[in-house]
N, C-alpha and C. Protein backbone atom coordinates (compact mmCIF):
# COMPACT_ATOMS: atom_id res chain seq x y z
N UNK A 1 -35.04 -112.73 -94.07
CA UNK A 1 -34.92 -114.17 -94.04
C UNK A 1 -36.28 -114.80 -94.32
N UNK A 2 -36.24 -115.94 -94.91
CA UNK A 2 -37.45 -116.66 -95.25
C UNK A 2 -37.96 -117.50 -94.09
N UNK A 3 -39.03 -118.22 -94.35
CA UNK A 3 -39.59 -119.11 -93.34
C UNK A 3 -38.83 -120.42 -93.28
N UNK A 4 -38.93 -121.09 -92.15
CA UNK A 4 -38.25 -122.38 -91.95
C UNK A 4 -39.07 -123.46 -92.66
N UNK A 5 -38.40 -124.31 -93.45
CA UNK A 5 -39.14 -125.38 -94.11
C UNK A 5 -39.86 -126.27 -93.07
N UNK A 6 -41.00 -126.81 -93.47
CA UNK A 6 -41.80 -127.65 -92.56
C UNK A 6 -41.01 -128.84 -92.01
N UNK A 7 -40.23 -129.46 -92.85
CA UNK A 7 -39.52 -130.66 -92.40
C UNK A 7 -38.50 -130.31 -91.32
N UNK A 8 -37.91 -129.11 -91.36
CA UNK A 8 -36.97 -128.69 -90.32
C UNK A 8 -37.73 -128.45 -89.02
N UNK A 9 -38.86 -127.79 -89.11
CA UNK A 9 -39.68 -127.54 -87.92
C UNK A 9 -40.15 -128.86 -87.31
N UNK A 10 -40.53 -129.80 -88.15
CA UNK A 10 -40.95 -131.12 -87.65
C UNK A 10 -39.82 -131.86 -86.98
N UNK A 11 -38.63 -131.76 -87.55
CA UNK A 11 -37.45 -132.40 -86.98
C UNK A 11 -37.12 -131.80 -85.61
N UNK A 12 -37.19 -130.49 -85.49
CA UNK A 12 -36.93 -129.82 -84.22
C UNK A 12 -37.99 -130.23 -83.19
N UNK A 13 -39.25 -130.27 -83.57
CA UNK A 13 -40.32 -130.67 -82.65
C UNK A 13 -40.12 -132.10 -82.18
N UNK A 14 -39.77 -133.00 -83.09
CA UNK A 14 -39.54 -134.40 -82.71
C UNK A 14 -38.36 -134.51 -81.75
N UNK A 15 -37.32 -133.74 -81.99
CA UNK A 15 -36.16 -133.74 -81.10
C UNK A 15 -36.51 -133.26 -79.70
N UNK A 16 -37.36 -132.25 -79.61
CA UNK A 16 -37.79 -131.75 -78.30
C UNK A 16 -38.62 -132.79 -77.56
N UNK A 17 -39.49 -133.48 -78.26
CA UNK A 17 -40.29 -134.53 -77.63
C UNK A 17 -39.40 -135.62 -77.08
N UNK A 18 -38.43 -136.06 -77.87
CA UNK A 18 -37.51 -137.11 -77.42
C UNK A 18 -36.67 -136.63 -76.25
N UNK A 19 -36.19 -135.39 -76.30
CA UNK A 19 -35.36 -134.86 -75.23
C UNK A 19 -36.13 -134.75 -73.91
N UNK A 20 -37.41 -134.47 -73.99
CA UNK A 20 -38.21 -134.30 -72.77
C UNK A 20 -38.88 -135.58 -72.30
N UNK A 21 -38.70 -136.65 -73.04
CA UNK A 21 -39.31 -137.93 -72.68
C UNK A 21 -38.88 -138.30 -71.27
N UNK A 22 -39.82 -138.54 -70.38
CA UNK A 22 -39.47 -138.91 -69.01
C UNK A 22 -39.23 -137.72 -68.12
N UNK A 23 -39.56 -136.50 -68.56
CA UNK A 23 -39.34 -135.31 -67.73
C UNK A 23 -40.46 -135.09 -66.73
N UNK A 24 -41.24 -136.12 -66.42
CA UNK A 24 -42.38 -135.97 -65.52
C UNK A 24 -41.99 -136.07 -64.06
N UNK A 25 -40.71 -136.09 -63.74
CA UNK A 25 -40.28 -136.16 -62.35
C UNK A 25 -40.18 -137.57 -61.82
N UNK A 26 -40.37 -138.57 -62.66
CA UNK A 26 -40.26 -139.95 -62.22
C UNK A 26 -38.82 -140.27 -61.85
N UNK A 27 -38.63 -141.39 -61.18
CA UNK A 27 -37.29 -141.73 -60.75
C UNK A 27 -36.44 -142.14 -61.94
N UNK A 28 -35.19 -141.73 -61.90
CA UNK A 28 -34.29 -142.08 -62.98
C UNK A 28 -33.47 -143.29 -62.58
N UNK A 29 -32.85 -143.91 -63.55
CA UNK A 29 -32.01 -145.07 -63.31
C UNK A 29 -30.62 -144.55 -62.94
N UNK A 30 -30.16 -144.91 -61.76
CA UNK A 30 -28.91 -144.37 -61.26
C UNK A 30 -27.69 -145.06 -61.87
N UNK A 31 -26.64 -144.28 -62.04
CA UNK A 31 -25.36 -144.84 -62.44
C UNK A 31 -24.32 -144.52 -61.37
N UNK A 32 -24.77 -144.06 -60.23
CA UNK A 32 -23.89 -143.66 -59.13
C UNK A 32 -23.05 -144.82 -58.62
N UNK A 33 -21.84 -144.50 -58.20
CA UNK A 33 -20.99 -145.50 -57.55
C UNK A 33 -20.76 -145.12 -56.09
N UNK A 34 -21.55 -144.16 -55.59
CA UNK A 34 -21.46 -143.74 -54.19
C UNK A 34 -22.18 -144.74 -53.31
N UNK A 35 -21.62 -144.99 -52.13
CA UNK A 35 -22.25 -145.92 -51.19
C UNK A 35 -22.93 -145.15 -50.06
N UNK A 36 -23.93 -145.77 -49.47
CA UNK A 36 -24.64 -145.23 -48.32
C UNK A 36 -25.01 -146.39 -47.41
N UNK A 37 -25.36 -146.08 -46.18
CA UNK A 37 -25.72 -147.09 -45.20
C UNK A 37 -27.24 -147.16 -45.07
N UNK A 38 -27.75 -148.39 -45.03
CA UNK A 38 -29.17 -148.63 -44.80
C UNK A 38 -29.28 -149.52 -43.56
N UNK A 39 -30.18 -149.15 -42.66
CA UNK A 39 -30.42 -149.99 -41.48
C UNK A 39 -31.91 -149.99 -41.19
N UNK A 40 -32.33 -150.99 -40.41
CA UNK A 40 -33.74 -151.08 -40.07
C UNK A 40 -34.02 -152.36 -39.32
N UNK A 41 -35.30 -152.66 -39.21
CA UNK A 41 -35.76 -153.86 -38.52
C UNK A 41 -36.64 -154.66 -39.46
N UNK A 42 -36.45 -155.98 -39.44
CA UNK A 42 -37.29 -156.89 -40.23
C UNK A 42 -38.29 -157.53 -39.27
N UNK A 43 -39.58 -157.36 -39.56
CA UNK A 43 -40.61 -158.02 -38.77
C UNK A 43 -41.39 -158.98 -39.64
N UNK A 44 -41.73 -160.13 -39.06
CA UNK A 44 -42.52 -161.14 -39.75
C UNK A 44 -43.76 -161.39 -38.92
N UNK A 45 -44.90 -161.09 -39.54
CA UNK A 45 -46.20 -161.21 -38.86
C UNK A 45 -46.19 -160.48 -37.53
N UNK A 46 -45.59 -159.28 -37.54
CA UNK A 46 -45.59 -158.41 -36.38
C UNK A 46 -44.50 -158.66 -35.35
N UNK A 47 -43.69 -159.69 -35.53
CA UNK A 47 -42.61 -160.00 -34.58
C UNK A 47 -41.26 -159.87 -35.27
N UNK A 48 -40.22 -159.43 -34.54
CA UNK A 48 -38.90 -159.31 -35.17
C UNK A 48 -38.41 -160.66 -35.70
N UNK A 49 -37.85 -160.63 -36.92
CA UNK A 49 -37.21 -161.82 -37.48
C UNK A 49 -35.99 -162.11 -36.61
N UNK A 50 -35.63 -163.37 -36.46
CA UNK A 50 -34.50 -163.73 -35.60
C UNK A 50 -33.31 -164.27 -36.36
N UNK A 51 -33.50 -164.62 -37.62
CA UNK A 51 -32.42 -165.18 -38.44
C UNK A 51 -32.64 -164.74 -39.88
N UNK A 52 -31.60 -164.98 -40.68
CA UNK A 52 -31.72 -164.71 -42.11
C UNK A 52 -30.83 -163.58 -42.55
N UNK A 53 -31.16 -163.04 -43.72
CA UNK A 53 -30.38 -161.93 -44.26
C UNK A 53 -31.27 -161.05 -45.12
N UNK A 54 -30.80 -159.82 -45.32
CA UNK A 54 -31.45 -158.86 -46.20
C UNK A 54 -30.46 -158.54 -47.29
N UNK A 55 -30.88 -158.66 -48.55
CA UNK A 55 -29.97 -158.33 -49.66
C UNK A 55 -30.49 -157.13 -50.43
N UNK A 56 -29.55 -156.29 -50.86
CA UNK A 56 -29.82 -155.10 -51.64
C UNK A 56 -29.09 -155.24 -52.97
N UNK A 57 -29.83 -155.21 -54.06
CA UNK A 57 -29.25 -155.37 -55.39
C UNK A 57 -29.41 -154.05 -56.15
N UNK A 58 -28.30 -153.30 -56.32
CA UNK A 58 -28.38 -152.01 -57.00
C UNK A 58 -28.19 -152.08 -58.51
N UNK A 59 -28.07 -153.29 -59.07
CA UNK A 59 -27.81 -153.38 -60.51
C UNK A 59 -29.00 -152.88 -61.31
N UNK A 60 -28.70 -152.28 -62.45
CA UNK A 60 -29.72 -151.78 -63.36
C UNK A 60 -29.08 -151.63 -64.73
N UNK A 61 -29.77 -151.02 -65.66
CA UNK A 61 -29.27 -150.90 -67.02
C UNK A 61 -27.98 -150.06 -67.07
N UNK A 62 -27.80 -149.13 -66.15
CA UNK A 62 -26.60 -148.29 -66.15
C UNK A 62 -25.45 -148.86 -65.34
N UNK A 63 -25.72 -149.84 -64.50
CA UNK A 63 -24.67 -150.48 -63.71
C UNK A 63 -24.97 -151.97 -63.60
N UNK A 64 -24.87 -152.61 -64.75
CA UNK A 64 -25.20 -154.04 -64.88
C UNK A 64 -24.34 -154.94 -64.00
N UNK A 65 -23.11 -154.57 -63.76
CA UNK A 65 -22.19 -155.43 -63.03
C UNK A 65 -22.11 -155.07 -61.54
N UNK A 66 -23.00 -154.22 -61.06
CA UNK A 66 -22.97 -153.82 -59.64
C UNK A 66 -23.28 -155.04 -58.77
N UNK A 67 -22.44 -155.30 -57.77
CA UNK A 67 -22.67 -156.47 -56.92
C UNK A 67 -23.81 -156.23 -55.93
N UNK A 68 -24.43 -157.32 -55.55
CA UNK A 68 -25.46 -157.28 -54.52
C UNK A 68 -24.77 -157.20 -53.16
N UNK A 69 -25.40 -156.52 -52.20
CA UNK A 69 -24.86 -156.40 -50.85
C UNK A 69 -25.87 -157.01 -49.89
N UNK A 70 -25.39 -157.78 -48.92
CA UNK A 70 -26.33 -158.37 -47.96
C UNK A 70 -25.79 -158.23 -46.56
N UNK A 71 -26.72 -158.34 -45.61
CA UNK A 71 -26.38 -158.22 -44.20
C UNK A 71 -27.20 -159.24 -43.42
N UNK A 72 -26.60 -159.79 -42.37
CA UNK A 72 -27.35 -160.73 -41.53
C UNK A 72 -28.42 -159.99 -40.72
N UNK A 73 -29.50 -160.71 -40.44
CA UNK A 73 -30.52 -160.20 -39.53
C UNK A 73 -30.12 -160.63 -38.12
N UNK A 74 -29.97 -159.67 -37.23
CA UNK A 74 -29.61 -159.96 -35.83
C UNK A 74 -30.78 -160.60 -35.10
N UNK A 75 -30.53 -161.24 -33.95
CA UNK A 75 -31.62 -161.88 -33.18
C UNK A 75 -32.75 -160.91 -32.79
N UNK A 76 -32.45 -159.60 -32.75
CA UNK A 76 -33.50 -158.63 -32.43
C UNK A 76 -34.21 -158.10 -33.68
N UNK A 77 -33.86 -158.65 -34.86
CA UNK A 77 -34.52 -158.28 -36.11
C UNK A 77 -33.86 -157.15 -36.87
N UNK A 78 -32.78 -156.58 -36.33
CA UNK A 78 -32.15 -155.45 -37.00
C UNK A 78 -31.09 -155.88 -38.00
N UNK A 79 -30.79 -154.98 -38.93
CA UNK A 79 -29.74 -155.20 -39.92
C UNK A 79 -29.11 -153.85 -40.26
N UNK A 80 -27.89 -153.88 -40.77
CA UNK A 80 -27.20 -152.70 -41.30
C UNK A 80 -26.37 -153.16 -42.48
N UNK A 81 -26.47 -152.43 -43.61
CA UNK A 81 -25.75 -152.79 -44.82
C UNK A 81 -25.30 -151.53 -45.55
N UNK A 82 -24.19 -151.62 -46.27
CA UNK A 82 -23.76 -150.55 -47.17
C UNK A 82 -24.09 -151.00 -48.58
N UNK A 83 -24.66 -150.10 -49.38
CA UNK A 83 -24.99 -150.40 -50.76
C UNK A 83 -24.86 -149.13 -51.59
N UNK A 84 -25.02 -149.24 -52.89
CA UNK A 84 -24.93 -148.08 -53.77
C UNK A 84 -26.18 -147.22 -53.66
N UNK A 85 -26.00 -145.90 -53.81
CA UNK A 85 -27.15 -145.01 -53.80
C UNK A 85 -27.97 -145.22 -55.06
N UNK A 86 -29.23 -144.83 -55.01
CA UNK A 86 -30.14 -145.02 -56.12
C UNK A 86 -31.03 -146.22 -55.87
N UNK A 87 -31.71 -146.68 -56.88
CA UNK A 87 -32.65 -147.78 -56.76
C UNK A 87 -31.98 -149.09 -56.40
N UNK A 88 -32.53 -149.78 -55.41
CA UNK A 88 -32.05 -151.09 -54.98
C UNK A 88 -33.24 -152.02 -54.84
N UNK A 89 -33.09 -153.23 -55.36
CA UNK A 89 -34.09 -154.28 -55.19
C UNK A 89 -33.76 -154.98 -53.87
N UNK A 90 -34.73 -155.08 -52.97
CA UNK A 90 -34.50 -155.61 -51.63
C UNK A 90 -35.23 -156.94 -51.47
N UNK A 91 -34.52 -157.93 -50.92
CA UNK A 91 -35.11 -159.26 -50.70
C UNK A 91 -34.67 -159.79 -49.34
N UNK A 92 -35.60 -160.45 -48.65
CA UNK A 92 -35.32 -161.05 -47.35
C UNK A 92 -35.26 -162.56 -47.50
N UNK A 93 -34.22 -163.17 -46.93
CA UNK A 93 -34.08 -164.62 -46.89
C UNK A 93 -34.01 -165.06 -45.44
N UNK A 94 -34.42 -166.29 -45.19
CA UNK A 94 -34.31 -166.84 -43.84
C UNK A 94 -35.27 -167.98 -43.65
N UNK A 95 -35.10 -168.74 -42.58
CA UNK A 95 -35.94 -169.93 -42.37
C UNK A 95 -37.42 -169.61 -42.28
N UNK A 96 -37.77 -168.51 -41.63
CA UNK A 96 -39.18 -168.15 -41.48
C UNK A 96 -39.79 -167.74 -42.82
N UNK A 97 -39.01 -167.08 -43.64
CA UNK A 97 -39.48 -166.61 -44.95
C UNK A 97 -39.52 -167.77 -45.94
N UNK A 98 -38.47 -168.59 -45.94
CA UNK A 98 -38.37 -169.67 -46.92
C UNK A 98 -39.46 -170.73 -46.78
N UNK A 99 -39.95 -170.94 -45.56
CA UNK A 99 -40.98 -171.99 -45.38
C UNK A 99 -42.40 -171.49 -45.65
N UNK A 100 -42.57 -170.20 -45.86
CA UNK A 100 -43.89 -169.64 -46.13
C UNK A 100 -43.90 -168.96 -47.49
N UNK A 101 -44.46 -169.62 -48.52
CA UNK A 101 -44.44 -169.06 -49.88
C UNK A 101 -45.05 -167.66 -49.97
N UNK A 102 -46.02 -167.36 -49.12
CA UNK A 102 -46.64 -166.03 -49.13
C UNK A 102 -45.62 -164.96 -48.74
N UNK A 103 -44.74 -165.27 -47.80
CA UNK A 103 -43.74 -164.30 -47.35
C UNK A 103 -42.60 -164.15 -48.35
N UNK A 104 -42.22 -165.24 -49.00
CA UNK A 104 -41.07 -165.18 -49.91
C UNK A 104 -41.38 -164.42 -51.19
N UNK A 105 -42.63 -164.10 -51.44
CA UNK A 105 -43.01 -163.37 -52.65
C UNK A 105 -42.87 -161.85 -52.49
N UNK A 106 -42.54 -161.38 -51.29
CA UNK A 106 -42.47 -159.94 -51.04
C UNK A 106 -41.06 -159.42 -51.24
N UNK A 107 -40.88 -158.67 -52.32
CA UNK A 107 -39.64 -157.96 -52.58
C UNK A 107 -39.99 -156.48 -52.60
N UNK A 108 -39.00 -155.66 -52.36
CA UNK A 108 -39.21 -154.23 -52.24
C UNK A 108 -38.21 -153.49 -53.12
N UNK A 109 -38.52 -152.25 -53.42
CA UNK A 109 -37.58 -151.37 -54.09
C UNK A 109 -37.37 -150.16 -53.20
N UNK A 110 -36.12 -149.80 -53.00
CA UNK A 110 -35.78 -148.67 -52.15
C UNK A 110 -34.85 -147.75 -52.91
N UNK A 111 -35.14 -146.45 -52.87
CA UNK A 111 -34.26 -145.45 -53.45
C UNK A 111 -33.31 -144.98 -52.35
N UNK A 112 -32.11 -145.52 -52.34
CA UNK A 112 -31.13 -145.22 -51.29
C UNK A 112 -30.53 -143.84 -51.56
N UNK A 113 -30.57 -142.99 -50.54
CA UNK A 113 -30.04 -141.63 -50.61
C UNK A 113 -28.65 -141.58 -49.98
N UNK A 114 -27.91 -140.52 -50.22
CA UNK A 114 -26.62 -140.33 -49.58
C UNK A 114 -26.80 -140.27 -48.07
N UNK A 115 -25.82 -140.75 -47.32
CA UNK A 115 -25.87 -140.69 -45.86
C UNK A 115 -26.53 -141.92 -45.27
N UNK A 116 -27.21 -141.71 -44.14
CA UNK A 116 -27.88 -142.80 -43.42
C UNK A 116 -29.32 -142.95 -43.91
N UNK A 117 -29.75 -144.17 -44.13
CA UNK A 117 -31.12 -144.47 -44.56
C UNK A 117 -31.73 -145.46 -43.58
N UNK A 118 -32.99 -145.24 -43.20
CA UNK A 118 -33.70 -146.19 -42.35
C UNK A 118 -34.79 -146.83 -43.19
N UNK A 119 -34.82 -148.18 -43.20
CA UNK A 119 -35.82 -148.90 -43.98
C UNK A 119 -36.26 -150.13 -43.20
N UNK A 120 -37.42 -150.02 -42.55
CA UNK A 120 -38.00 -151.15 -41.83
C UNK A 120 -38.80 -152.00 -42.81
N UNK A 121 -38.66 -153.31 -42.68
CA UNK A 121 -39.31 -154.25 -43.59
C UNK A 121 -40.34 -155.06 -42.82
N UNK A 122 -41.59 -155.00 -43.28
CA UNK A 122 -42.68 -155.76 -42.65
C UNK A 122 -43.12 -156.87 -43.60
N UNK A 123 -43.11 -158.10 -43.13
CA UNK A 123 -43.61 -159.23 -43.90
C UNK A 123 -44.76 -159.87 -43.15
N UNK A 124 -45.89 -160.17 -43.75
CA UNK A 124 -46.22 -159.74 -45.10
C UNK A 124 -46.38 -158.23 -45.13
N UNK A 125 -46.20 -157.68 -46.32
CA UNK A 125 -46.28 -156.24 -46.50
C UNK A 125 -47.67 -155.75 -46.14
N UNK A 126 -47.73 -154.71 -45.32
CA UNK A 126 -49.01 -154.16 -44.89
C UNK A 126 -49.55 -153.22 -45.97
N UNK A 127 -50.80 -153.35 -46.31
CA UNK A 127 -51.38 -152.44 -47.30
C UNK A 127 -51.64 -151.08 -46.63
N UNK A 128 -51.36 -150.03 -47.38
CA UNK A 128 -51.49 -148.67 -46.81
C UNK A 128 -52.54 -147.89 -47.52
């Protein structure tokens, strides 16, 4: 057998590069329709939030029509919500957050796993 023409080898190499694009272990965009439970405590300036809600938005390029899920914040600052597994955009609403522009700018991203998830939210976000 003869040698492989250069253009075929180049085509195969380009295909491998495209196929491996994003193979660095980064998070993928989920298309899952499985639900999981997320619970935690919302604190504002070190004290439990007493009112408001926490919303989880699982929509992305693979599930554009996925609805947002929200849960009320209890007087002790806790919440529990069911949402889709995978990446969720998290936002806190409430009187304490709405009146302070610095607090309302803090949104989070959470990768929700199967089963029970614990996610405590601190506003303003503490630098680590």
